[in-house]
PDB file of N, CA and C in Angstrom:
ATOM      1  N   UNK A   1      -6.915 289.331  96.906  1.00  0.00           N
ATOM      2  CA  UNK A   1      -7.814 289.309  98.043  1.00  0.00           C
ATOM      3  C   UNK A   1      -9.157 288.726  97.620  1.00  0.00           C
ATOM      4  N   UNK A   2      -9.712 287.926  98.483  1.00  0.00           N
ATOM      5  CA  UNK A   2     -11.012 287.317  98.214  1.00  0.00           C
ATOM      6  C   UNK A   2     -12.114 288.095  98.912  1.00  0.00           C
ATOM      7  N   UNK A   3     -13.277 288.093  98.301  1.00  0.00           N
ATOM      8  CA  UNK A   3     -14.450 288.654  98.943  1.00  0.00           C
ATOM      9  C   UNK A   3     -15.016 287.651  99.931  1.00  0.00           C
ATOM     10  N   UNK A   4     -16.043 288.056 100.627  1.00  0.00           N
ATOM     11  CA  UNK A   4     -16.660 287.220 101.650  1.00  0.00           C
ATOM     12  C   UNK A   4     -17.116 285.869 101.095  1.00  0.00           C
ATOM     13  N   UNK A   5     -17.890 285.891 100.024  1.00  0.00           N
ATOM     14  CA  UNK A   5     -18.442 284.652  99.463  1.00  0.00           C
ATOM     15  C   UNK A   5     -17.346 283.706  99.004  1.00  0.00           C
ATOM     16  N   UNK A   6     -16.331 284.244  98.326  1.00  0.00           N
ATOM     17  CA  UNK A   6     -15.236 283.396  97.847  1.00  0.00           C
ATOM     18  C   UNK A   6     -14.465 282.774  99.009  1.00  0.00           C
ATOM     19  N   UNK A   7     -14.232 283.545 100.060  1.00  0.00           N
ATOM     20  CA  UNK A   7     -13.511 283.020 101.219  1.00  0.00           C
ATOM     21  C   UNK A   7     -14.308 281.918 101.907  1.00  0.00           C
ATOM     22  N   UNK A   8     -15.608 282.117 102.041  1.00  0.00           N
ATOM     23  CA  UNK A   8     -16.450 281.096 102.679  1.00  0.00           C
ATOM     24  C   UNK A   8     -16.467 279.822 101.843  1.00  0.00           C
ATOM     25  N   UNK A   9     -16.624 279.971 100.542  1.00  0.00           N
ATOM     26  CA  UNK A   9     -16.685 278.798  99.669  1.00  0.00           C
ATOM     27  C   UNK A   9     -15.342 278.097  99.548  1.00  0.00           C
ATOM     28  N   UNK A  10     -14.245 278.839  99.646  1.00  0.00           N
ATOM     29  CA  UNK A  10     -12.918 278.232  99.536  1.00  0.00           C
ATOM     30  C   UNK A  10     -12.570 277.428 100.783  1.00  0.00           C
ATOM     31  N   UNK A  11     -13.077 277.830 101.921  1.00  0.00           N
ATOM     32  CA  UNK A  11     -12.733 277.138 103.167  1.00  0.00           C
ATOM     33  C   UNK A  11     -11.378 277.609 103.651  1.00  0.00           C
ATOM     34  N   UNK A  12     -10.367 276.791 103.453  1.00  0.00           N
ATOM     35  CA  UNK A  12      -9.015 277.156 103.870  1.00  0.00           C
ATOM     36  C   UNK A  12      -8.298 277.912 102.761  1.00  0.00           C
ATOM     37  N   UNK A  13      -7.331 278.723 103.150  1.00  0.00           N
ATOM     38  CA  UNK A  13      -6.500 279.441 102.180  1.00  0.00           C
ATOM     39  C   UNK A  13      -5.570 278.447 101.486  1.00  0.00           C
ATOM     40  N   UNK A  14      -4.946 278.887 100.396  1.00  0.00           N
ATOM     41  CA  UNK A  14      -4.052 277.995  99.629  1.00  0.00           C
ATOM     42  C   UNK A  14      -2.941 277.407 100.480  1.00  0.00           C
ATOM     43  N   UNK A  15      -2.474 278.173 101.459  1.00  0.00           N
ATOM     44  CA  UNK A  15      -1.382 277.688 102.312  1.00  0.00           C
ATOM     45  C   UNK A  15      -1.883 276.802 103.454  1.00  0.00           C
ATOM     46  N   UNK A  16      -3.182 276.507 103.470  1.00  0.00           N
ATOM     47  CA  UNK A  16      -3.756 275.655 104.507  1.00  0.00           C
ATOM     48  C   UNK A  16      -4.209 276.419 105.737  1.00  0.00           C
ATOM     49  N   UNK A  17      -3.954 277.716 105.765  1.00  0.00           N
ATOM     50  CA  UNK A  17      -4.350 278.538 106.903  1.00  0.00           C
ATOM     51  C   UNK A  17      -5.747 279.107 106.736  1.00  0.00           C
ATOM     52  N   UNK A  18      -6.068 280.026 107.596  1.00  0.00           N
ATOM     53  CA  UNK A  18      -7.380 280.666 107.580  1.00  0.00           C
ATOM     54  C   UNK A  18      -7.306 282.023 106.891  1.00  0.00           C
ATOM     55  N   UNK A  19      -8.407 282.425 106.301  1.00  0.00           N
ATOM     56  CA  UNK A  19      -8.494 283.764 105.740  1.00  0.00           C
ATOM     57  C   UNK A  19      -8.689 284.757 106.872  1.00  0.00           C
ATOM     58  N   UNK A  20      -7.993 285.876 106.777  1.00  0.00           N
ATOM     59  CA  UNK A  20      -8.082 286.931 107.782  1.00  0.00           C
ATOM     60  C   UNK A  20      -8.437 288.225 107.060  1.00  0.00           C
ATOM     61  N   UNK A  21      -9.390 288.979 107.573  1.00  0.00           N
ATOM     62  CA  UNK A  21      -9.762 290.232 106.903  1.00  0.00           C
ATOM     63  C   UNK A  21      -8.600 291.222 106.869  1.00  0.00           C
ATOM     64  N   UNK A  22      -8.541 292.000 105.804  1.00  0.00           N
ATOM     65  CA  UNK A  22      -7.522 293.059 105.728  1.00  0.00           C
ATOM     66  C   UNK A  22      -7.825 294.160 106.734  1.00  0.00           C
ATOM     67  N   UNK A  23      -9.095 294.416 106.938  1.00  0.00           N
ATOM     68  CA  UNK A  23      -9.517 295.444 107.887  1.00  0.00           C
ATOM     69  C   UNK A  23     -10.589 294.869 108.803  1.00  0.00           C
ATOM     70  N   UNK A  24     -10.510 295.244 110.069  1.00  0.00           N
ATOM     71  CA  UNK A  24     -11.505 294.814 111.043  1.00  0.00           C
ATOM     72  C   UNK A  24     -12.485 295.959 111.270  1.00  0.00           C
ATOM     73  N   UNK A  25     -13.752 295.643 111.383  1.00  0.00           N
ATOM     74  CA  UNK A  25     -14.715 296.715 111.660  1.00  0.00           C
ATOM     75  C   UNK A  25     -14.476 297.299 113.049  1.00  0.00           C
ATOM     76  N   UNK A  26     -14.800 298.544 113.191  1.00  0.00           N
ATOM     77  CA  UNK A  26     -14.677 299.215 114.484  1.00  0.00           C
ATOM     78  C   UNK A  26     -16.079 299.520 114.999  1.00  0.00           C
ATOM     79  N   UNK A  27     -16.310 299.183 116.249  1.00  0.00           N
ATOM     80  CA  UNK A  27     -17.581 299.492 116.891  1.00  0.00           C
ATOM     81  C   UNK A  27     -17.304 300.472 118.023  1.00  0.00           C
ATOM     82  N   UNK A  28     -18.045 301.543 118.046  1.00  0.00           N
ATOM     83  CA  UNK A  28     -17.884 302.533 119.111  1.00  0.00           C
ATOM     84  C   UNK A  28     -18.426 301.970 120.425  1.00  0.00           C
ATOM     85  N   UNK A  29     -18.093 302.635 121.504  1.00  0.00           N
ATOM     86  CA  UNK A  29     -18.592 302.215 122.819  1.00  0.00           C
ATOM     87  C   UNK A  29     -20.111 302.205 122.847  1.00  0.00           C
ATOM     88  N   UNK A  30     -20.717 303.209 122.236  1.00  0.00           N
ATOM     89  CA  UNK A  30     -22.185 303.263 122.242  1.00  0.00           C
ATOM     90  C   UNK A  30     -22.778 302.142 121.391  1.00  0.00           C
ATOM     91  N   UNK A  31     -22.118 301.793 120.284  1.00  0.00           N
ATOM     92  CA  UNK A  31     -22.604 300.674 119.463  1.00  0.00           C
ATOM     93  C   UNK A  31     -22.497 299.361 120.232  1.00  0.00           C
ATOM     94  N   UNK A  32     -21.415 299.188 120.958  1.00  0.00           N
ATOM     95  CA  UNK A  32     -21.233 297.965 121.751  1.00  0.00           C
ATOM     96  C   UNK A  32     -22.283 297.895 122.856  1.00  0.00           C
ATOM     97  N   UNK A  33     -22.533 299.012 123.519  1.00  0.00           N
ATOM     98  CA  UNK A  33     -23.573 299.037 124.564  1.00  0.00           C
ATOM     99  C   UNK A  33     -24.938 298.701 123.976  1.00  0.00           C
ATOM    100  N   UNK A  34     -25.195 299.166 122.763  1.00  0.00           N
ATOM    101  CA  UNK A  34     -26.488 298.901 122.116  1.00  0.00           C
ATOM    102  C   UNK A  34     -26.664 297.420 121.784  1.00  0.00           C
ATOM    103  N   UNK A  35     -25.561 296.691 121.679  1.00  0.00           N
ATOM    104  CA  UNK A  35     -25.631 295.257 121.369  1.00  0.00           C
ATOM    105  C   UNK A  35     -25.929 294.419 122.604  1.00  0.00           C
ATOM    106  N   UNK A  36     -25.749 295.009 123.760  1.00  0.00           N
ATOM    107  CA  UNK A  36     -25.968 294.277 125.006  1.00  0.00           C
ATOM    108  C   UNK A  36     -27.407 293.795 125.075  1.00  0.00           C
ATOM    109  N   UNK A  37     -27.574 292.530 125.366  1.00  0.00           N
ATOM    110  CA  UNK A  37     -28.908 291.973 125.506  1.00  0.00           C
ATOM    111  C   UNK A  37     -29.540 291.502 124.209  1.00  0.00           C
ATOM    112  N   UNK A  38     -28.844 291.685 123.076  1.00  0.00           N
ATOM    113  CA  UNK A  38     -29.403 291.192 121.813  1.00  0.00           C
ATOM    114  C   UNK A  38     -29.469 289.671 121.821  1.00  0.00           C
ATOM    115  N   UNK A  39     -30.460 289.133 121.178  1.00  0.00           N
ATOM    116  CA  UNK A  39     -30.529 287.680 120.996  1.00  0.00           C
ATOM    117  C   UNK A  39     -29.343 287.261 120.130  1.00  0.00           C
ATOM    118  N   UNK A  40     -28.886 286.038 120.292  1.00  0.00           N
ATOM    119  CA  UNK A  40     -27.694 285.552 119.587  1.00  0.00           C
ATOM    120  C   UNK A  40     -27.769 285.791 118.080  1.00  0.00           C
ATOM    121  N   UNK A  41     -28.862 285.433 117.408  1.00  0.00           N
ATOM    122  CA  UNK A  41     -28.917 285.685 115.960  1.00  0.00           C
ATOM    123  C   UNK A  41     -28.812 287.170 115.612  1.00  0.00           C
ATOM    124  N   UNK A  42     -29.436 288.025 116.400  1.00  0.00           N
ATOM    125  CA  UNK A  42     -29.360 289.466 116.147  1.00  0.00           C
ATOM    126  C   UNK A  42     -27.936 289.986 116.336  1.00  0.00           C
ATOM    127  N   UNK A  43     -27.256 289.473 117.348  1.00  0.00           N
ATOM    128  CA  UNK A  43     -25.868 289.861 117.586  1.00  0.00           C
ATOM    129  C   UNK A  43     -24.971 289.370 116.447  1.00  0.00           C
ATOM    130  N   UNK A  44     -25.187 288.135 116.011  1.00  0.00           N
ATOM    131  CA  UNK A  44     -24.404 287.593 114.895  1.00  0.00           C
ATOM    132  C   UNK A  44     -24.593 288.439 113.640  1.00  0.00           C
ATOM    133  N   UNK A  45     -25.816 288.819 113.360  1.00  0.00           N
ATOM    134  CA  UNK A  45     -26.100 289.655 112.184  1.00  0.00           C
ATOM    135  C   UNK A  45     -25.357 290.979 112.302  1.00  0.00           C
ATOM    136  N   UNK A  46     -25.447 291.593 113.464  1.00  0.00           N
ATOM    137  CA  UNK A  46     -24.803 292.903 113.673  1.00  0.00           C
ATOM    138  C   UNK A  46     -23.284 292.815 113.547  1.00  0.00           C
ATOM    139  N   UNK A  47     -22.675 291.769 114.096  1.00  0.00           N
ATOM    140  CA  UNK A  47     -21.222 291.645 114.077  1.00  0.00           C
ATOM    141  C   UNK A  47     -20.673 291.185 112.730  1.00  0.00           C
ATOM    142  N   UNK A  48     -21.418 290.365 112.019  1.00  0.00           N
ATOM    143  CA  UNK A  48     -20.922 289.807 110.759  1.00  0.00           C
ATOM    144  C   UNK A  48     -21.203 290.667 109.535  1.00  0.00           C
ATOM    145  N   UNK A  49     -22.234 291.485 109.587  1.00  0.00           N
ATOM    146  CA  UNK A  49     -22.610 292.295 108.421  1.00  0.00           C
ATOM    147  C   UNK A  49     -21.457 293.127 107.856  1.00  0.00           C
ATOM    148  N   UNK A  50     -20.612 293.755 108.679  1.00  0.00           N
ATOM    149  CA  UNK A  50     -19.514 294.542 108.100  1.00  0.00           C
ATOM    150  C   UNK A  50     -18.532 293.720 107.250  1.00  0.00           C
ATOM    151  N   UNK A  51     -18.493 292.419 107.444  1.00  0.00           N
ATOM    152  CA  UNK A  51     -17.570 291.577 106.677  1.00  0.00           C
ATOM    153  C   UNK A  51     -18.121 291.187 105.307  1.00  0.00           C
ATOM    154  N   UNK A  52     -19.394 291.419 105.067  1.00  0.00           N
ATOM    155  CA  UNK A  52     -20.032 290.958 103.832  1.00  0.00           C
ATOM    156  C   UNK A  52     -19.616 291.742 102.602  1.00  0.00           C
ATOM    157  N   UNK A  53     -19.201 292.965 102.781  1.00  0.00           N
ATOM    158  CA  UNK A  53     -18.793 293.782 101.646  1.00  0.00           C
ATOM    159  C   UNK A  53     -19.889 293.982 100.617  1.00  0.00           C
ATOM    160  N   UNK A  54     -21.141 293.936 101.061  1.00  0.00           N
ATOM    161  CA  UNK A  54     -22.257 294.138 100.147  1.00  0.00           C
ATOM    162  C   UNK A  54     -22.550 292.960  99.241  1.00  0.00           C
ATOM    163  N   UNK A  55     -21.890 291.826  99.461  1.00  0.00           N
ATOM    164  CA  UNK A  55     -22.064 290.659  98.589  1.00  0.00           C
ATOM    165  C   UNK A  55     -23.382 289.929  98.810  1.00  0.00           C
ATOM    166  N   UNK A  56     -23.941 290.060  99.993  1.00  0.00           N
ATOM    167  CA  UNK A  56     -25.205 289.399 100.313  1.00  0.00           C
ATOM    168  C   UNK A  56     -26.172 290.476 100.790  1.00  0.00           C
ATOM    169  N   UNK A  57     -27.342 290.525 100.198  1.00  0.00           N
ATOM    170  CA  UNK A  57     -28.345 291.517 100.593  1.00  0.00           C
ATOM    171  C   UNK A  57     -28.730 291.309 102.055  1.00  0.00           C
ATOM    172  N   UNK A  58     -28.934 292.395 102.773  1.00  0.00           N
ATOM    173  CA  UNK A  58     -29.245 292.329 104.203  1.00  0.00           C
ATOM    174  C   UNK A  58     -30.407 291.396 104.526  1.00  0.00           C
ATOM    175  N   UNK A  59     -31.544 291.461 103.813  1.00  0.00           N
ATOM    176  CA  UNK A  59     -32.654 290.557 104.153  1.00  0.00           C
ATOM    177  C   UNK A  59     -32.294 289.082 103.942  1.00  0.00           C
ATOM    178  N   UNK A  60     -31.501 288.808 102.930  1.00  0.00           N
ATOM    179  CA  UNK A  60     -31.086 287.425 102.660  1.00  0.00           C
ATOM    180  C   UNK A  60     -30.160 286.947 103.768  1.00  0.00           C
ATOM    181  N   UNK A  61     -29.190 287.773 104.143  1.00  0.00           N
ATOM    182  CA  UNK A  61     -28.252 287.397 105.202  1.00  0.00           C
ATOM    183  C   UNK A  61     -28.980 287.180 106.522  1.00  0.00           C
ATOM    184  N   UNK A  62     -29.904 288.065 106.843  1.00  0.00           N
ATOM    185  CA  UNK A  62     -30.665 287.915 108.086  1.00  0.00           C
ATOM    186  C   UNK A  62     -31.441 286.604 108.096  1.00  0.00           C
ATOM    187  N   UNK A  63     -32.043 286.254 106.981  1.00  0.00           N
ATOM    188  CA  UNK A  63     -32.787 284.989 106.896  1.00  0.00           C
ATOM    189  C   UNK A  63     -31.840 283.803 107.077  1.00  0.00           C
ATOM    190  N   UNK A  64     -30.670 283.845 106.432  1.00  0.00           N
ATOM    191  CA  UNK A  64     -29.705 282.748 106.543  1.00  0.00           C
ATOM    192  C   UNK A  64     -29.243 282.559 107.987  1.00  0.00           C
ATOM    193  N   UNK A  65     -28.944 283.652 108.657  1.00  0.00           N
ATOM    194  CA  UNK A  65     -28.487 283.567 110.046  1.00  0.00           C
ATOM    195  C   UNK A  65     -29.593 283.005 110.934  1.00  0.00           C
ATOM    196  N   UNK A  66     -30.793 283.503 110.776  1.00  0.00           N
ATOM    197  CA  UNK A  66     -31.906 283.019 111.613  1.00  0.00           C
ATOM    198  C   UNK A  66     -32.181 281.532 111.369  1.00  0.00           C
ATOM    199  N   UNK A  67     -32.102 281.111 110.116  1.00  0.00           N
ATOM    200  CA  UNK A  67     -32.292 279.690 109.808  1.00  0.00           C
ATOM    201  C   UNK A  67     -31.175 278.845 110.414  1.00  0.00           C
ATOM    202  N   UNK A  68     -29.957 279.350 110.378  1.00  0.00           N
ATOM    203  CA  UNK A  68     -28.816 278.599 110.914  1.00  0.00           C
ATOM    204  C   UNK A  68     -28.962 278.336 112.408  1.00  0.00           C
ATOM    205  N   UNK A  69     -29.490 279.296 113.142  1.00  0.00           N
ATOM    206  CA  UNK A  69     -29.613 279.136 114.591  1.00  0.00           C
ATOM    207  C   UNK A  69     -30.972 278.613 115.031  1.00  0.00           C
ATOM    208  N   UNK A  70     -31.891 278.456 114.127  1.00  0.00           N
ATOM    209  CA  UNK A  70     -33.246 278.002 114.476  1.00  0.00           C
ATOM    210  C   UNK A  70     -33.268 276.583 115.028  1.00  0.00           C
ATOM    211  N   UNK A  71     -32.280 275.775 114.683  1.00  0.00           N
ATOM    212  CA  UNK A  71     -32.272 274.378 115.131  1.00  0.00           C
ATOM    213  C   UNK A  71     -31.592 274.185 116.486  1.00  0.00           C
ATOM    214  N   UNK A  72     -31.046 275.249 117.058  1.00  0.00           N
ATOM    215  CA  UNK A  72     -30.407 275.118 118.368  1.00  0.00           C
ATOM    216  C   UNK A  72     -31.475 274.913 119.431  1.00  0.00           C
ATOM    217  N   UNK A  73     -31.159 274.082 120.416  1.00  0.00           N
ATOM    218  CA  UNK A  73     -32.135 273.693 121.412  1.00  0.00           C
ATOM    219  C   UNK A  73     -32.216 274.627 122.624  1.00  0.00           C
ATOM    220  N   UNK A  74     -31.436 275.682 122.603  1.00  0.00           N
ATOM    221  CA  UNK A  74     -31.481 276.644 123.711  1.00  0.00           C
ATOM    222  C   UNK A  74     -31.714 278.035 123.136  1.00  0.00           C
ATOM    223  N   UNK A  75     -32.579 278.779 123.789  1.00  0.00           N
ATOM    224  CA  UNK A  75     -32.931 280.118 123.315  1.00  0.00           C
ATOM    225  C   UNK A  75     -31.701 281.017 123.160  1.00  0.00           C
ATOM    226  N   UNK A  76     -30.723 280.859 124.044  1.00  0.00           N
ATOM    227  CA  UNK A  76     -29.514 281.683 124.007  1.00  0.00           C
ATOM    228  C   UNK A  76     -28.476 281.151 123.020  1.00  0.00           C
ATOM    229  N   UNK A  77     -28.740 280.063 122.359  1.00  0.00           N
ATOM    230  CA  UNK A  77     -27.843 279.372 121.423  1.00  0.00           C
ATOM    231  C   UNK A  77     -26.651 278.799 122.170  1.00  0.00           C
ATOM    232  N   UNK A  78     -25.812 279.642 122.756  1.00  0.00           N
ATOM    233  CA  UNK A  78     -24.648 279.208 123.534  1.00  0.00           C
ATOM    234  C   UNK A  78     -24.705 279.879 124.902  1.00  0.00           C
ATOM    235  N   UNK A  79     -25.492 279.345 125.818  1.00  0.00           N
ATOM    236  CA  UNK A  79     -25.635 280.009 127.113  1.00  0.00           C
ATOM    237  C   UNK A  79     -24.338 279.995 127.925  1.00  0.00           C
ATOM    238  N   UNK A  80     -24.114 281.084 128.631  1.00  0.00           N
ATOM    239  CA  UNK A  80     -22.993 281.191 129.557  1.00  0.00           C
ATOM    240  C   UNK A  80     -23.548 280.895 130.943  1.00  0.00           C
ATOM    241  N   UNK A  81     -23.126 279.780 131.505  1.00  0.00           N
ATOM    242  CA  UNK A  81     -23.679 279.298 132.771  1.00  0.00           C
ATOM    243  C   UNK A  81     -22.664 279.510 133.889  1.00  0.00           C
ATOM    244  N   UNK A  82     -23.099 280.152 134.949  1.00  0.00           N
ATOM    245  CA  UNK A  82     -22.223 280.361 136.096  1.00  0.00           C
ATOM    246  C   UNK A  82     -22.228 279.108 136.955  1.00  0.00           C
ATOM    247  N   UNK A  83     -21.025 278.582 137.213  1.00  0.00           N
ATOM    248  CA  UNK A  83     -20.904 277.360 138.012  1.00  0.00           C
ATOM    249  C   UNK A  83     -20.243 277.614 139.361  1.00  0.00           C
ATOM    250  N   UNK A  84     -19.776 278.822 139.581  1.00  0.00           N
ATOM    251  CA  UNK A  84     -19.141 279.191 140.837  1.00  0.00           C
ATOM    252  C   UNK A  84     -19.067 280.701 140.931  1.00  0.00           C
ATOM    253  N   UNK A  85     -18.479 281.198 142.015  1.00  0.00           N
ATOM    254  CA  UNK A  85     -18.412 282.644 142.236  1.00  0.00           C
ATOM    255  C   UNK A  85     -17.774 283.380 141.058  1.00  0.00           C
ATOM    256  N   UNK A  86     -16.696 282.854 140.540  1.00  0.00           N
ATOM    257  CA  UNK A  86     -15.993 283.474 139.414  1.00  0.00           C
ATOM    258  C   UNK A  86     -15.744 282.479 138.295  1.00  0.00           C
ATOM    259  N   UNK A  87     -16.617 281.516 138.180  1.00  0.00           N
ATOM    260  CA  UNK A  87     -16.433 280.460 137.185  1.00  0.00           C
ATOM    261  C   UNK A  87     -17.662 280.371 136.296  1.00  0.00           C
ATOM    262  N   UNK A  88     -17.414 280.361 135.000  1.00  0.00           N
ATOM    263  CA  UNK A  88     -18.489 280.290 134.017  1.00  0.00           C
ATOM    264  C   UNK A  88     -18.138 279.250 132.966  1.00  0.00           C
ATOM    265  N   UNK A  89     -19.157 278.625 132.405  1.00  0.00           N
ATOM    266  CA  UNK A  89     -18.980 277.643 131.338  1.00  0.00           C
ATOM    267  C   UNK A  89     -19.845 278.071 130.158  1.00  0.00           C
ATOM    268  N   UNK A  90     -19.234 278.145 128.987  1.00  0.00           N
ATOM    269  CA  UNK A  90     -19.975 278.458 127.774  1.00  0.00           C
ATOM    270  C   UNK A  90     -20.413 277.138 127.154  1.00  0.00           C
ATOM    271  N   UNK A  91     -21.711 276.894 127.136  1.00  0.00           N
ATOM    272  CA  UNK A  91     -22.242 275.627 126.628  1.00  0.00           C
ATOM    273  C   UNK A  91     -22.357 275.679 125.105  1.00  0.00           C
ATOM    274  N   UNK A  92     -21.555 274.864 124.443  1.00  0.00           N
ATOM    275  CA  UNK A  92     -21.509 274.847 122.982  1.00  0.00           C
ATOM    276  C   UNK A  92     -22.152 273.595 122.399  1.00  0.00           C
ATOM    277  N   UNK A  93     -23.019 272.955 123.161  1.00  0.00           N
ATOM    278  CA  UNK A  93     -23.569 271.666 122.723  1.00  0.00           C
ATOM    279  C   UNK A  93     -25.070 271.701 122.437  1.00  0.00           C
ATOM    280  N   UNK A  94     -25.625 272.860 122.234  1.00  0.00           N
ATOM    281  CA  UNK A  94     -27.069 272.950 122.004  1.00  0.00           C
ATOM    282  C   UNK A  94     -27.444 272.967 120.527  1.00  0.00           C
ATOM    283  N   UNK A  95     -26.456 272.776 119.654  1.00  0.00           N
ATOM    284  CA  UNK A  95     -26.712 272.788 118.213  1.00  0.00           C
ATOM    285  C   UNK A  95     -27.255 271.467 117.709  1.00  0.00           C
ATOM    286  N   UNK A  96     -27.484 271.366 116.409  1.00  0.00           N
ATOM    287  CA  UNK A  96     -28.114 270.175 115.834  1.00  0.00           C
ATOM    288  C   UNK A  96     -27.307 268.893 115.989  1.00  0.00           C
ATOM    289  N   UNK A  97     -25.966 268.993 116.079  1.00  0.00           N
ATOM    290  CA  UNK A  97     -25.164 267.771 116.233  1.00  0.00           C
ATOM    291  C   UNK A  97     -24.654 267.591 117.658  1.00  0.00           C
ATOM    292  N   UNK A  98     -25.034 268.508 118.547  1.00  0.00           N
ATOM    293  CA  UNK A  98     -24.616 268.475 119.954  1.00  0.00           C
ATOM    294  C   UNK A  98     -23.103 268.612 120.118  1.00  0.00           C
ATOM    295  N   UNK A  99     -22.420 269.195 119.129  1.00  0.00           N
ATOM    296  CA  UNK A  99     -20.970 269.352 119.167  1.00  0.00           C
ATOM    297  C   UNK A  99     -20.592 270.825 119.050  1.00  0.00           C
ATOM    298  N   UNK A 100     -19.418 271.157 119.578  1.00  0.00           N
ATOM    299  CA  UNK A 100     -18.950 272.543 119.504  1.00  0.00           C
ATOM    300  C   UNK A 100     -18.823 273.027 118.069  1.00  0.00           C
ATOM    301  N   UNK A 101     -18.645 272.112 117.135  1.00  0.00           N
ATOM    302  CA  UNK A 101     -18.469 272.501 115.734  1.00  0.00           C
ATOM    303  C   UNK A 101     -19.720 273.153 115.146  1.00  0.00           C
ATOM    304  N   UNK A 102     -20.846 273.025 115.808  1.00  0.00           N
ATOM    305  CA  UNK A 102     -22.056 273.707 115.333  1.00  0.00           C
ATOM    306  C   UNK A 102     -21.912 275.224 115.418  1.00  0.00           C
ATOM    307  N   UNK A 103     -21.013 275.705 116.259  1.00  0.00           N
ATOM    308  CA  UNK A 103     -20.803 277.149 116.384  1.00  0.00           C
ATOM    309  C   UNK A 103     -19.401 277.568 115.961  1.00  0.00           C
ATOM    310  N   UNK A 104     -18.604 276.650 115.491  1.00  0.00           N
ATOM    311  CA  UNK A 104     -17.221 276.978 115.078  1.00  0.00           C
ATOM    312  C   UNK A 104     -17.202 277.637 113.726  1.00  0.00           C
TER     313      UNK A 104
END
């Protein structure tokens, strides 16, 4: 099993697939409610921190996440725009290259 840093640096697994965590973090209903309304970088920090396994210090990780999203041209990073009564579009083109891969 690889740790967080090794998996990120390796990219794809040896078989060409993606790395999948052995265990998924669990968030209680109250924790999920507390995340409502968080700015995108704050939400990313909260959701990704359990996967770090202590490999990256919290202040360092927070700085990295904030720097990663600082170049996005929209405050919401990926705004969800309502285009009809029950239709929404998630805009993934506000990143530095204007491509969905900025958030992939």
